[in-house]
């Protein structure tokens, strides 16, 4: 198995896989693509588990030699997702693992015990895609043509052990902080351009949960994904 398909919540995540992750993985003989959650033509953004679950199960059943993963933001993830309510009260270090483990358990119970469970690797982005951009404050500010704001973005970053810890709150989540500083911030344009310029190496150095996911994806080429 050296092919990975990710079910993702939106076009930015799809672009992130295509433009940032896939080129790195190709050097490891791993070939990754991303599919938007929902029906063809859907632009993403509807993260209900009832939409994501059938998509993941279909991929698992149709593509016997493919590893299937996900990329959904923990922030604003509906409580319908397995483990989401429990994770809300858990320490930060356990939140993503609780949801990922519960999702895997739910999907495996649906697909049957004979299924190779190593092919399913759910991933939840902490707390959302924009957290990755705080790996290099100067870069996101340059993309938004506001280098003078680098100090403010850096101060936000410095308030946390790593960018993935930036709050899960309707006013202080990573995207909300960027929108407050930059009224014209757009995830699908500025966010993706900044992610490409920052690069996966800088992100994985600063974002430990992302780093674990990337390491697992890299291992697919060696047949050692666990």
N, C-alpha and C. Protein backbone atom coordinates (compact mmCIF):
# COMPACT_ATOMS: atom_id res chain seq x y z
N UNK A 1 0.85 -1.19 0.00
CA UNK A 1 0.00 0.00 0.00
C UNK A 1 0.88 1.24 0.00
N UNK A 2 0.90 1.95 -1.10
CA UNK A 2 1.67 3.20 -1.12
C UNK A 2 0.82 4.35 -1.63
N UNK A 3 -0.48 4.20 -1.51
CA UNK A 3 -1.42 5.25 -1.91
C UNK A 3 -2.27 5.65 -0.71
N UNK A 4 -2.46 6.96 -0.55
CA UNK A 4 -3.25 7.50 0.55
C UNK A 4 -4.32 8.41 -0.02
N UNK A 5 -5.54 8.26 0.45
CA UNK A 5 -6.62 9.18 0.10
C UNK A 5 -7.13 9.79 1.39
N UNK A 6 -7.24 11.11 1.42
CA UNK A 6 -7.76 11.82 2.59
C UNK A 6 -9.14 12.37 2.28
N UNK A 7 -10.09 12.14 3.18
CA UNK A 7 -11.39 12.80 3.11
C UNK A 7 -11.25 14.09 3.92
N UNK A 8 -11.46 15.23 3.27
CA UNK A 8 -11.18 16.52 3.91
C UNK A 8 -12.42 17.40 3.94
N UNK A 9 -12.39 18.39 4.82
CA UNK A 9 -13.60 19.18 5.04
C UNK A 9 -13.79 20.33 4.06
N UNK A 10 -12.75 20.76 3.38
CA UNK A 10 -12.93 21.91 2.49
C UNK A 10 -11.86 22.00 1.42
N UNK A 11 -12.02 23.00 0.56
CA UNK A 11 -11.10 23.16 -0.56
C UNK A 11 -9.70 23.58 -0.12
N UNK A 12 -9.59 24.29 1.00
CA UNK A 12 -8.27 24.66 1.48
C UNK A 12 -7.49 23.43 1.90
N UNK A 13 -8.14 22.54 2.64
CA UNK A 13 -7.50 21.30 3.06
C UNK A 13 -7.13 20.44 1.84
N UNK A 14 -8.00 20.45 0.84
CA UNK A 14 -7.71 19.70 -0.38
C UNK A 14 -6.46 20.28 -1.06
N UNK A 15 -6.38 21.60 -1.11
CA UNK A 15 -5.21 22.25 -1.68
C UNK A 15 -3.96 22.01 -0.86
N UNK A 16 -4.11 21.96 0.45
CA UNK A 16 -2.98 21.70 1.34
C UNK A 16 -2.40 20.32 1.07
N UNK A 17 -3.26 19.33 0.91
CA UNK A 17 -2.79 17.99 0.58
C UNK A 17 -2.10 17.99 -0.77
N UNK A 18 -2.72 18.61 -1.75
CA UNK A 18 -2.19 18.60 -3.12
C UNK A 18 -0.86 19.36 -3.23
N UNK A 19 -0.79 20.54 -2.64
CA UNK A 19 0.34 21.43 -2.89
C UNK A 19 1.44 21.38 -1.83
N UNK A 20 1.11 20.92 -0.63
CA UNK A 20 2.10 20.91 0.46
C UNK A 20 2.50 19.49 0.85
N UNK A 21 1.52 18.65 1.13
CA UNK A 21 1.82 17.29 1.58
C UNK A 21 2.25 16.36 0.46
N UNK A 22 1.48 16.33 -0.62
CA UNK A 22 1.73 15.35 -1.69
C UNK A 22 3.14 15.43 -2.27
N UNK A 23 3.69 16.62 -2.54
CA UNK A 23 5.05 16.66 -3.09
C UNK A 23 6.09 16.04 -2.16
N UNK A 24 5.95 16.28 -0.86
CA UNK A 24 6.87 15.65 0.09
C UNK A 24 6.73 14.14 0.07
N UNK A 25 5.49 13.66 0.14
CA UNK A 25 5.26 12.23 0.22
C UNK A 25 5.70 11.50 -1.04
N UNK A 26 5.60 12.17 -2.18
CA UNK A 26 6.02 11.54 -3.43
C UNK A 26 7.50 11.18 -3.39
N UNK A 27 8.29 11.95 -2.66
CA UNK A 27 9.71 11.63 -2.54
C UNK A 27 9.94 10.38 -1.70
N UNK A 28 8.90 9.96 -0.96
CA UNK A 28 8.95 8.74 -0.15
C UNK A 28 8.20 7.59 -0.82
N UNK A 29 7.87 7.79 -2.08
CA UNK A 29 7.11 6.78 -2.85
C UNK A 29 5.71 6.56 -2.28
N UNK A 30 5.14 7.64 -1.74
CA UNK A 30 3.76 7.61 -1.24
C UNK A 30 2.97 8.62 -2.06
N UNK A 31 1.82 8.21 -2.55
CA UNK A 31 1.05 9.06 -3.46
C UNK A 31 -0.29 9.39 -2.81
N UNK A 32 -0.46 10.67 -2.48
CA UNK A 32 -1.61 11.11 -1.69
C UNK A 32 -2.49 12.06 -2.48
N UNK A 33 -3.79 11.85 -2.37
CA UNK A 33 -4.79 12.75 -2.93
C UNK A 33 -5.82 13.04 -1.86
N UNK A 34 -6.67 14.03 -2.13
CA UNK A 34 -7.71 14.40 -1.16
C UNK A 34 -9.06 14.53 -1.87
N UNK A 35 -10.10 14.10 -1.19
CA UNK A 35 -11.46 14.21 -1.70
C UNK A 35 -12.30 15.02 -0.72
N UNK A 36 -13.05 15.96 -1.26
CA UNK A 36 -13.94 16.75 -0.42
C UNK A 36 -15.06 15.89 0.13
N UNK A 37 -15.41 16.13 1.38
CA UNK A 37 -16.52 15.42 1.98
C UNK A 37 -17.82 15.78 1.24
N UNK A 38 -18.69 14.83 1.09
CA UNK A 38 -19.99 15.09 0.47
C UNK A 38 -20.05 14.68 -0.98
N UNK A 39 -21.16 15.00 -1.61
CA UNK A 39 -21.41 14.61 -2.99
C UNK A 39 -20.52 15.40 -3.96
N UNK A 40 -20.28 14.84 -5.16
CA UNK A 40 -19.51 15.58 -6.18
C UNK A 40 -20.11 16.97 -6.42
N UNK A 41 -19.25 17.96 -6.51
CA UNK A 41 -19.72 19.33 -6.70
C UNK A 41 -19.85 20.10 -5.40
N UNK A 42 -19.89 19.37 -4.28
CA UNK A 42 -19.95 20.01 -2.98
C UNK A 42 -18.63 20.71 -2.69
N UNK A 43 -18.67 21.91 -2.16
CA UNK A 43 -17.45 22.70 -1.94
C UNK A 43 -16.89 22.55 -0.54
N UNK A 44 -17.46 21.64 0.25
CA UNK A 44 -16.95 21.44 1.59
C UNK A 44 -17.61 22.36 2.59
N UNK A 45 -17.15 22.27 3.84
CA UNK A 45 -17.67 23.13 4.89
C UNK A 45 -18.74 22.51 5.74
N UNK A 46 -19.40 21.46 5.26
CA UNK A 46 -20.40 20.76 6.05
C UNK A 46 -19.72 19.55 6.68
N UNK A 47 -19.42 19.66 7.96
CA UNK A 47 -18.57 18.66 8.61
C UNK A 47 -19.36 17.67 9.46
N UNK A 48 -20.64 17.53 9.20
CA UNK A 48 -21.41 16.55 9.97
C UNK A 48 -20.85 15.15 9.78
N UNK A 49 -20.84 14.39 10.85
CA UNK A 49 -20.30 13.04 10.77
C UNK A 49 -21.13 12.17 9.82
N UNK A 50 -22.39 12.47 9.71
CA UNK A 50 -23.25 11.70 8.80
C UNK A 50 -22.86 11.90 7.35
N UNK A 51 -22.10 12.95 7.05
CA UNK A 51 -21.59 13.17 5.69
C UNK A 51 -20.23 12.51 5.52
N UNK A 52 -19.40 12.62 6.54
CA UNK A 52 -18.04 12.09 6.44
C UNK A 52 -18.00 10.57 6.50
N UNK A 53 -18.77 9.98 7.36
CA UNK A 53 -18.71 8.53 7.57
C UNK A 53 -18.95 7.73 6.29
N UNK A 54 -20.01 8.01 5.52
CA UNK A 54 -20.22 7.23 4.30
C UNK A 54 -19.08 7.37 3.30
N UNK A 55 -18.49 8.56 3.22
CA UNK A 55 -17.39 8.77 2.29
C UNK A 55 -16.17 7.92 2.65
N UNK A 56 -15.84 7.89 3.94
CA UNK A 56 -14.69 7.11 4.38
C UNK A 56 -14.95 5.62 4.17
N UNK A 57 -16.14 5.17 4.53
CA UNK A 57 -16.47 3.75 4.37
C UNK A 57 -16.44 3.33 2.90
N UNK A 58 -16.93 4.19 2.03
CA UNK A 58 -16.94 3.87 0.60
C UNK A 58 -15.51 3.69 0.09
N UNK A 59 -14.62 4.59 0.48
CA UNK A 59 -13.22 4.48 0.06
C UNK A 59 -12.58 3.19 0.58
N UNK A 60 -12.84 2.88 1.82
CA UNK A 60 -12.27 1.67 2.41
C UNK A 60 -12.73 0.42 1.68
N UNK A 61 -13.98 0.43 1.25
CA UNK A 61 -14.55 -0.75 0.59
C UNK A 61 -14.14 -0.84 -0.87
N UNK A 62 -13.95 0.31 -1.51
CA UNK A 62 -13.66 0.31 -2.94
C UNK A 62 -12.18 0.16 -3.25
N UNK A 63 -11.32 0.64 -2.36
CA UNK A 63 -9.89 0.70 -2.67
C UNK A 63 -9.12 -0.14 -1.66
N UNK A 64 -9.01 -1.42 -1.95
CA UNK A 64 -8.47 -2.38 -1.00
C UNK A 64 -7.01 -2.17 -0.67
N UNK A 65 -6.26 -1.49 -1.53
CA UNK A 65 -4.83 -1.31 -1.30
C UNK A 65 -4.46 0.14 -0.98
N UNK A 66 -5.42 0.86 -0.41
CA UNK A 66 -5.22 2.28 -0.13
C UNK A 66 -5.39 2.55 1.36
N UNK A 67 -4.53 3.41 1.90
CA UNK A 67 -4.70 3.92 3.26
C UNK A 67 -5.65 5.12 3.19
N UNK A 68 -6.64 5.14 4.06
CA UNK A 68 -7.61 6.23 4.08
C UNK A 68 -7.43 7.03 5.36
N UNK A 69 -7.33 8.34 5.20
CA UNK A 69 -7.18 9.23 6.35
C UNK A 69 -8.22 10.35 6.24
N UNK A 70 -8.17 11.29 7.16
CA UNK A 70 -9.11 12.41 7.16
C UNK A 70 -8.35 13.69 7.50
N UNK A 71 -8.96 14.82 7.26
CA UNK A 71 -8.43 16.10 7.76
C UNK A 71 -9.62 17.02 8.03
N UNK A 72 -10.01 17.04 9.30
CA UNK A 72 -11.10 17.89 9.77
C UNK A 72 -10.62 18.67 10.98
N UNK A 73 -11.05 19.93 11.09
CA UNK A 73 -10.66 20.77 12.22
C UNK A 73 -11.40 20.37 13.48
N UNK A 74 -10.66 20.31 14.59
CA UNK A 74 -11.30 20.09 15.89
C UNK A 74 -12.23 21.25 16.23
N UNK A 75 -11.80 22.45 15.91
CA UNK A 75 -12.62 23.63 16.18
C UNK A 75 -13.92 23.55 15.38
N UNK A 76 -15.03 23.70 16.05
CA UNK A 76 -16.37 23.69 15.45
C UNK A 76 -16.77 22.31 14.91
N UNK A 77 -16.00 21.27 15.24
CA UNK A 77 -16.39 19.92 14.85
C UNK A 77 -17.67 19.56 15.60
N UNK A 78 -18.72 19.15 14.90
CA UNK A 78 -20.00 18.88 15.58
C UNK A 78 -19.88 17.77 16.63
N UNK A 79 -20.71 17.86 17.64
CA UNK A 79 -20.71 16.85 18.69
C UNK A 79 -21.18 15.48 18.20
N UNK A 80 -21.70 15.43 16.99
CA UNK A 80 -22.12 14.14 16.43
C UNK A 80 -20.92 13.24 16.13
N UNK A 81 -19.72 13.82 16.06
CA UNK A 81 -18.53 13.02 15.81
C UNK A 81 -18.21 12.18 17.04
N UNK A 82 -17.89 10.92 16.86
CA UNK A 82 -17.51 10.08 18.01
C UNK A 82 -16.36 10.70 18.79
N UNK A 83 -16.50 10.72 20.10
CA UNK A 83 -15.44 11.21 20.96
C UNK A 83 -15.39 12.71 21.13
N UNK A 84 -16.17 13.47 20.33
CA UNK A 84 -16.04 14.93 20.37
C UNK A 84 -16.47 15.51 21.71
N UNK A 85 -17.57 15.04 22.26
CA UNK A 85 -18.05 15.56 23.54
C UNK A 85 -17.07 15.22 24.65
N UNK A 86 -16.58 13.98 24.65
CA UNK A 86 -15.61 13.56 25.66
C UNK A 86 -14.34 14.40 25.56
N UNK A 87 -13.88 14.64 24.34
CA UNK A 87 -12.64 15.38 24.14
C UNK A 87 -12.74 16.82 24.59
N UNK A 88 -13.94 17.36 24.60
CA UNK A 88 -14.12 18.77 24.98
C UNK A 88 -13.57 19.04 26.38
N UNK A 89 -13.71 18.06 27.27
CA UNK A 89 -13.29 18.24 28.65
C UNK A 89 -11.91 17.66 28.94
N UNK A 90 -11.30 17.04 27.96
CA UNK A 90 -10.01 16.38 28.17
C UNK A 90 -8.85 17.37 28.07
N UNK A 91 -7.69 17.02 28.64
CA UNK A 91 -6.50 17.87 28.46
C UNK A 91 -6.16 17.99 26.99
N UNK A 92 -5.52 19.09 26.63
CA UNK A 92 -5.21 19.32 25.22
C UNK A 92 -4.48 18.14 24.59
N UNK A 93 -3.53 17.58 25.28
CA UNK A 93 -2.70 16.51 24.72
C UNK A 93 -3.49 15.27 24.34
N UNK A 94 -4.73 15.15 24.85
CA UNK A 94 -5.53 13.95 24.59
C UNK A 94 -6.69 14.19 23.61
N UNK A 95 -6.98 15.44 23.32
CA UNK A 95 -8.19 15.76 22.57
C UNK A 95 -8.25 15.08 21.20
N UNK A 96 -7.23 15.27 20.39
CA UNK A 96 -7.26 14.72 19.04
C UNK A 96 -7.30 13.20 19.07
N UNK A 97 -6.49 12.61 19.95
CA UNK A 97 -6.43 11.15 20.02
C UNK A 97 -7.76 10.55 20.41
N UNK A 98 -8.50 11.22 21.30
CA UNK A 98 -9.81 10.71 21.72
C UNK A 98 -10.76 10.64 20.53
N UNK A 99 -10.81 11.72 19.74
CA UNK A 99 -11.71 11.74 18.59
C UNK A 99 -11.24 10.75 17.53
N UNK A 100 -9.96 10.76 17.23
CA UNK A 100 -9.44 9.85 16.19
C UNK A 100 -9.69 8.39 16.55
N UNK A 101 -9.44 8.05 17.81
CA UNK A 101 -9.65 6.67 18.25
C UNK A 101 -11.13 6.28 18.19
N UNK A 102 -12.00 7.20 18.61
CA UNK A 102 -13.44 6.91 18.61
C UNK A 102 -13.98 6.79 17.19
N UNK A 103 -13.49 7.63 16.29
CA UNK A 103 -13.91 7.55 14.89
C UNK A 103 -13.46 6.22 14.28
N UNK A 104 -12.22 5.84 14.54
CA UNK A 104 -11.72 4.58 13.99
C UNK A 104 -12.53 3.40 14.53
N UNK A 105 -12.81 3.42 15.81
CA UNK A 105 -13.59 2.33 16.41
C UNK A 105 -14.97 2.24 15.79
N UNK A 106 -15.61 3.39 15.58
CA UNK A 106 -16.95 3.41 14.99
C UNK A 106 -16.94 2.89 13.56
N UNK A 107 -15.96 3.32 12.78
CA UNK A 107 -15.89 2.90 11.39
C UNK A 107 -15.54 1.41 11.26
N UNK A 108 -14.64 0.94 12.10
CA UNK A 108 -14.27 -0.47 12.05
C UNK A 108 -15.43 -1.36 12.46
N UNK A 109 -16.26 -0.89 13.39
CA UNK A 109 -17.41 -1.68 13.80
C UNK A 109 -18.42 -1.81 12.66
N UNK A 110 -18.39 -0.84 11.77
CA UNK A 110 -19.31 -0.83 10.63
C UNK A 110 -18.81 -1.72 9.50
N UNK A 111 -17.50 -1.76 9.32
CA UNK A 111 -16.95 -2.45 8.14
C UNK A 111 -16.62 -3.91 8.40
N UNK A 112 -16.51 -4.31 9.66
CA UNK A 112 -16.31 -5.73 9.95
C UNK A 112 -14.93 -6.08 10.47
N UNK A 113 -14.84 -7.19 11.19
CA UNK A 113 -13.61 -7.57 11.87
C UNK A 113 -12.53 -8.09 10.93
N UNK A 114 -12.90 -8.50 9.73
CA UNK A 114 -11.90 -9.03 8.80
C UNK A 114 -11.11 -7.92 8.10
N UNK A 115 -11.53 -6.69 8.28
CA UNK A 115 -10.89 -5.55 7.62
C UNK A 115 -9.52 -5.26 8.23
N UNK A 116 -8.56 -4.89 7.39
CA UNK A 116 -7.23 -4.52 7.84
C UNK A 116 -7.27 -3.11 8.45
N UNK A 117 -7.29 -3.04 9.76
CA UNK A 117 -7.46 -1.76 10.44
C UNK A 117 -6.34 -0.78 10.22
N UNK A 118 -5.16 -1.25 9.79
CA UNK A 118 -4.04 -0.34 9.56
C UNK A 118 -4.28 0.56 8.36
N UNK A 119 -5.28 0.23 7.55
CA UNK A 119 -5.59 1.06 6.39
C UNK A 119 -6.38 2.31 6.76
N UNK A 120 -6.88 2.39 7.98
CA UNK A 120 -7.69 3.53 8.40
C UNK A 120 -6.93 4.35 9.42
N UNK A 121 -6.66 5.63 9.07
CA UNK A 121 -5.87 6.50 9.93
C UNK A 121 -6.53 7.87 10.06
N UNK A 122 -7.59 8.00 10.86
CA UNK A 122 -8.24 9.30 11.03
C UNK A 122 -7.26 10.35 11.58
N UNK A 123 -7.41 11.57 11.08
CA UNK A 123 -6.59 12.69 11.57
C UNK A 123 -7.49 13.87 11.82
N UNK A 124 -7.35 14.46 13.01
CA UNK A 124 -8.08 15.68 13.37
C UNK A 124 -7.07 16.79 13.57
N UNK A 125 -7.26 17.90 12.86
CA UNK A 125 -6.35 19.04 12.93
C UNK A 125 -6.64 19.87 14.17
N UNK A 126 -5.63 20.08 14.99
CA UNK A 126 -5.77 20.89 16.20
C UNK A 126 -5.25 22.31 15.94
N UNK A 127 -6.02 23.34 16.39
CA UNK A 127 -7.45 23.27 16.56
C UNK A 127 -8.15 23.50 15.21
N UNK A 128 -7.40 24.07 14.28
CA UNK A 128 -7.89 24.21 12.91
C UNK A 128 -6.72 24.50 11.97
N UNK A 129 -7.01 24.49 10.68
CA UNK A 129 -5.97 24.65 9.66
C UNK A 129 -5.10 25.88 9.91
N UNK A 130 -5.71 27.00 10.30
CA UNK A 130 -4.95 28.24 10.47
C UNK A 130 -3.87 28.15 11.54
N UNK A 131 -3.99 27.19 12.45
CA UNK A 131 -2.94 27.04 13.46
C UNK A 131 -1.59 26.81 12.80
N UNK A 132 -1.60 26.10 11.68
CA UNK A 132 -0.34 25.79 11.00
C UNK A 132 0.37 27.05 10.52
N UNK A 133 -0.40 28.07 10.22
CA UNK A 133 0.18 29.31 9.69
C UNK A 133 0.96 30.07 10.75
N UNK A 134 0.66 29.79 12.02
CA UNK A 134 1.38 30.45 13.11
C UNK A 134 2.77 29.86 13.30
N UNK A 135 3.12 28.86 12.48
CA UNK A 135 4.48 28.32 12.52
C UNK A 135 5.49 29.36 12.05
N UNK A 136 5.06 30.26 11.17
CA UNK A 136 5.93 31.34 10.69
C UNK A 136 5.11 32.62 10.58
N UNK A 137 4.97 33.36 11.67
CA UNK A 137 4.17 34.59 11.65
C UNK A 137 4.58 35.57 10.56
N UNK A 138 5.88 35.69 10.30
CA UNK A 138 6.33 36.66 9.29
C UNK A 138 5.80 36.30 7.91
N UNK A 139 5.64 35.02 7.63
CA UNK A 139 5.20 34.60 6.31
C UNK A 139 3.74 34.93 6.08
N UNK A 140 2.88 34.61 7.02
CA UNK A 140 1.46 34.93 6.84
C UNK A 140 1.27 36.43 6.75
N UNK A 141 2.05 37.20 7.50
CA UNK A 141 1.94 38.67 7.42
C UNK A 141 2.43 39.17 6.06
N UNK A 142 3.45 38.55 5.52
CA UNK A 142 3.94 38.95 4.20
C UNK A 142 2.90 38.64 3.12
N UNK A 143 2.26 37.50 3.22
CA UNK A 143 1.21 37.14 2.26
C UNK A 143 0.08 38.14 2.31
N UNK A 144 -0.23 38.63 3.50
CA UNK A 144 -1.32 39.60 3.66
C UNK A 144 -0.82 41.03 3.50
N UNK A 145 0.43 41.17 3.07
CA UNK A 145 1.03 42.47 2.79
C UNK A 145 0.97 43.41 3.99
N UNK A 146 1.25 42.83 5.14
CA UNK A 146 1.25 43.63 6.37
C UNK A 146 2.39 43.19 7.28
N UNK A 147 3.64 43.37 6.83
CA UNK A 147 4.78 42.94 7.65
C UNK A 147 4.83 43.61 9.01
N UNK A 148 4.21 44.79 9.13
CA UNK A 148 4.21 45.49 10.40
C UNK A 148 3.42 44.74 11.47
N UNK A 149 2.57 43.80 11.04
CA UNK A 149 1.75 43.03 11.98
C UNK A 149 2.45 41.79 12.51
N UNK A 150 3.68 41.56 12.06
CA UNK A 150 4.39 40.34 12.46
C UNK A 150 4.52 40.23 13.97
N UNK A 151 4.79 41.33 14.62
CA UNK A 151 4.94 41.32 16.08
C UNK A 151 3.67 40.86 16.78
N UNK A 152 2.51 41.30 16.28
CA UNK A 152 1.25 40.91 16.90
C UNK A 152 0.97 39.42 16.71
N UNK A 153 1.24 38.92 15.50
CA UNK A 153 1.02 37.50 15.23
C UNK A 153 2.02 36.67 16.03
N UNK A 154 3.25 37.13 16.11
CA UNK A 154 4.26 36.42 16.88
C UNK A 154 3.89 36.37 18.36
N UNK A 155 3.31 37.46 18.87
CA UNK A 155 2.90 37.50 20.28
C UNK A 155 1.82 36.45 20.56
N UNK A 156 0.90 36.27 19.61
CA UNK A 156 -0.12 35.22 19.76
C UNK A 156 0.56 33.86 19.81
N UNK A 157 1.45 33.64 18.86
CA UNK A 157 2.17 32.35 18.81
C UNK A 157 2.93 32.11 20.10
N UNK A 158 3.59 33.12 20.63
CA UNK A 158 4.42 32.96 21.82
C UNK A 158 3.60 32.72 23.09
N UNK A 159 2.30 32.95 22.99
CA UNK A 159 1.44 32.72 24.15
C UNK A 159 1.07 31.26 24.35
N UNK A 160 1.54 30.39 23.47
CA UNK A 160 1.21 28.97 23.53
C UNK A 160 2.47 28.14 23.34
N UNK A 161 2.45 26.93 23.88
CA UNK A 161 3.60 26.05 23.71
C UNK A 161 3.84 25.72 22.25
N UNK A 162 2.76 25.54 21.50
CA UNK A 162 2.87 25.34 20.06
C UNK A 162 1.60 25.83 19.39
N UNK A 163 1.61 26.07 18.08
CA UNK A 163 0.44 26.65 17.41
C UNK A 163 -0.82 25.81 17.52
N UNK A 164 -0.69 24.50 17.66
CA UNK A 164 -1.87 23.65 17.74
C UNK A 164 -2.69 23.90 19.01
N UNK A 165 -2.10 24.55 19.99
CA UNK A 165 -2.80 24.81 21.24
C UNK A 165 -3.62 26.09 21.22
N UNK A 166 -3.52 26.88 20.17
CA UNK A 166 -4.26 28.14 20.11
C UNK A 166 -5.76 27.83 20.21
N UNK A 167 -6.46 28.58 21.07
CA UNK A 167 -7.77 28.23 21.63
C UNK A 167 -8.83 27.74 20.67
N UNK A 168 -9.67 26.88 21.23
CA UNK A 168 -10.86 26.37 20.56
C UNK A 168 -12.04 27.21 21.02
N UNK A 169 -12.17 28.42 20.47
CA UNK A 169 -13.20 29.35 20.93
C UNK A 169 -13.66 30.20 19.76
N UNK A 170 -14.89 30.62 19.80
CA UNK A 170 -15.47 31.35 18.67
C UNK A 170 -14.85 32.72 18.44
N UNK A 171 -14.09 33.22 19.41
CA UNK A 171 -13.45 34.52 19.23
C UNK A 171 -11.92 34.43 19.22
N UNK A 172 -11.37 33.31 19.71
CA UNK A 172 -9.91 33.23 19.83
C UNK A 172 -9.31 32.03 19.10
N UNK A 173 -10.09 31.32 18.31
CA UNK A 173 -9.53 30.26 17.47
C UNK A 173 -8.56 30.90 16.47
N UNK A 174 -7.63 30.13 15.91
CA UNK A 174 -6.63 30.72 15.00
C UNK A 174 -7.21 31.56 13.87
N UNK A 175 -8.25 31.07 13.21
CA UNK A 175 -8.83 31.83 12.10
C UNK A 175 -9.46 33.13 12.59
N UNK A 176 -10.08 33.09 13.77
CA UNK A 176 -10.73 34.28 14.31
C UNK A 176 -9.69 35.34 14.66
N UNK A 177 -8.55 34.90 15.14
CA UNK A 177 -7.48 35.84 15.46
C UNK A 177 -6.94 36.50 14.20
N UNK A 178 -6.78 35.71 13.14
CA UNK A 178 -6.28 36.27 11.89
C UNK A 178 -7.30 37.24 11.29
N UNK A 179 -8.57 36.88 11.34
CA UNK A 179 -9.61 37.77 10.80
C UNK A 179 -9.69 39.08 11.57
N UNK A 180 -9.41 39.03 12.86
CA UNK A 180 -9.44 40.24 13.67
C UNK A 180 -8.28 41.17 13.29
N UNK A 181 -7.13 40.58 12.98
CA UNK A 181 -5.97 41.38 12.61
C UNK A 181 -6.00 41.81 11.15
N UNK A 182 -6.57 40.95 10.29
CA UNK A 182 -6.57 41.19 8.84
C UNK A 182 -8.00 41.03 8.32
N UNK A 183 -8.66 42.13 8.10
CA UNK A 183 -10.07 42.08 7.70
C UNK A 183 -10.27 41.37 6.37
N UNK A 184 -9.24 41.36 5.53
CA UNK A 184 -9.38 40.76 4.20
C UNK A 184 -8.86 39.32 4.13
N UNK A 185 -8.54 38.74 5.29
CA UNK A 185 -8.03 37.36 5.28
C UNK A 185 -9.04 36.40 4.68
N UNK A 186 -8.56 35.58 3.74
CA UNK A 186 -9.39 34.54 3.13
C UNK A 186 -8.63 33.22 3.17
N UNK A 187 -9.25 32.23 3.77
CA UNK A 187 -8.60 30.93 3.98
C UNK A 187 -8.15 30.29 2.67
N UNK A 188 -9.03 30.29 1.67
CA UNK A 188 -8.73 29.57 0.43
C UNK A 188 -7.66 30.23 -0.41
N UNK A 189 -7.41 31.51 -0.19
CA UNK A 189 -6.36 32.19 -0.94
C UNK A 189 -5.14 32.45 -0.05
N UNK A 190 -5.28 33.36 0.91
CA UNK A 190 -4.15 33.70 1.76
C UNK A 190 -3.65 32.50 2.56
N UNK A 191 -4.59 31.72 3.10
CA UNK A 191 -4.20 30.59 3.93
C UNK A 191 -3.40 29.56 3.16
N UNK A 192 -3.85 29.23 1.98
CA UNK A 192 -3.16 28.21 1.19
C UNK A 192 -1.82 28.72 0.65
N UNK A 193 -1.78 29.98 0.22
CA UNK A 193 -0.52 30.55 -0.26
C UNK A 193 0.51 30.57 0.87
N UNK A 194 0.07 30.99 2.06
CA UNK A 194 0.99 31.02 3.20
C UNK A 194 1.47 29.62 3.56
N UNK A 195 0.59 28.64 3.51
CA UNK A 195 0.98 27.26 3.83
C UNK A 195 2.04 26.77 2.86
N UNK A 196 1.89 27.10 1.58
CA UNK A 196 2.88 26.69 0.58
C UNK A 196 4.23 27.35 0.86
N UNK A 197 4.22 28.63 1.22
CA UNK A 197 5.47 29.34 1.47
C UNK A 197 6.14 28.88 2.76
N UNK A 198 5.34 28.61 3.78
CA UNK A 198 5.90 28.14 5.05
C UNK A 198 6.52 26.77 4.87
N UNK A 199 5.78 25.88 4.22
CA UNK A 199 6.28 24.55 3.93
C UNK A 199 6.06 23.57 5.06
N UNK A 200 6.03 22.31 4.69
CA UNK A 200 5.70 21.27 5.66
C UNK A 200 6.79 21.09 6.70
N UNK A 201 8.04 21.33 6.35
CA UNK A 201 9.12 21.12 7.32
C UNK A 201 9.00 22.07 8.51
N UNK A 202 8.72 23.34 8.23
CA UNK A 202 8.56 24.30 9.32
C UNK A 202 7.32 23.98 10.15
N UNK A 203 6.26 23.57 9.50
CA UNK A 203 5.03 23.23 10.22
C UNK A 203 5.22 22.04 11.14
N UNK A 204 5.88 21.01 10.64
CA UNK A 204 6.03 19.81 11.47
C UNK A 204 7.00 20.04 12.61
N UNK A 205 7.92 20.98 12.46
CA UNK A 205 8.82 21.31 13.57
C UNK A 205 8.06 21.98 14.71
N UNK A 206 7.03 22.73 14.37
CA UNK A 206 6.31 23.53 15.37
C UNK A 206 5.00 22.90 15.83
N UNK A 207 4.50 21.92 15.09
CA UNK A 207 3.16 21.36 15.35
C UNK A 207 3.28 19.85 15.54
N UNK A 208 3.37 19.39 16.79
CA UNK A 208 3.67 17.97 17.04
C UNK A 208 2.62 16.98 16.55
N UNK A 209 1.35 17.34 16.63
CA UNK A 209 0.33 16.39 16.17
C UNK A 209 0.38 16.25 14.65
N UNK A 210 0.56 17.36 13.95
CA UNK A 210 0.75 17.30 12.50
C UNK A 210 1.98 16.46 12.18
N UNK A 211 3.05 16.64 12.94
CA UNK A 211 4.28 15.91 12.70
C UNK A 211 4.07 14.40 12.80
N UNK A 212 3.27 13.98 13.78
CA UNK A 212 2.97 12.56 13.94
C UNK A 212 2.22 12.03 12.71
N UNK A 213 1.28 12.82 12.23
CA UNK A 213 0.49 12.41 11.05
C UNK A 213 1.39 12.29 9.83
N UNK A 214 2.24 13.29 9.61
CA UNK A 214 3.12 13.26 8.45
C UNK A 214 4.08 12.08 8.53
N UNK A 215 4.60 11.80 9.71
CA UNK A 215 5.49 10.65 9.89
C UNK A 215 4.78 9.36 9.53
N UNK A 216 3.53 9.24 9.97
CA UNK A 216 2.76 8.05 9.62
C UNK A 216 2.56 7.95 8.12
N UNK A 217 2.23 9.06 7.47
CA UNK A 217 2.01 9.06 6.03
C UNK A 217 3.29 8.67 5.29
N UNK A 218 4.41 9.18 5.74
CA UNK A 218 5.69 8.83 5.12
C UNK A 218 5.97 7.33 5.23
N UNK A 219 5.53 6.73 6.33
CA UNK A 219 5.82 5.31 6.56
C UNK A 219 4.99 4.39 5.68
N UNK A 220 3.96 4.92 5.03
CA UNK A 220 3.12 4.09 4.17
C UNK A 220 3.95 3.46 3.06
N UNK A 221 4.91 4.20 2.55
CA UNK A 221 5.73 3.68 1.46
C UNK A 221 6.58 2.49 1.85
N UNK A 222 6.89 2.40 3.15
CA UNK A 222 7.70 1.28 3.63
C UNK A 222 6.84 0.13 4.13
N UNK A 223 5.51 0.33 4.10
CA UNK A 223 4.59 -0.70 4.58
C UNK A 223 4.57 -0.79 6.09
N UNK A 224 5.00 0.31 6.75
CA UNK A 224 5.12 0.28 8.21
C UNK A 224 4.14 1.22 8.89
N UNK A 225 3.05 1.62 8.20
CA UNK A 225 2.08 2.52 8.82
C UNK A 225 1.36 1.82 9.94
N UNK A 226 1.35 2.45 11.11
CA UNK A 226 0.66 1.87 12.27
C UNK A 226 -0.23 2.91 12.90
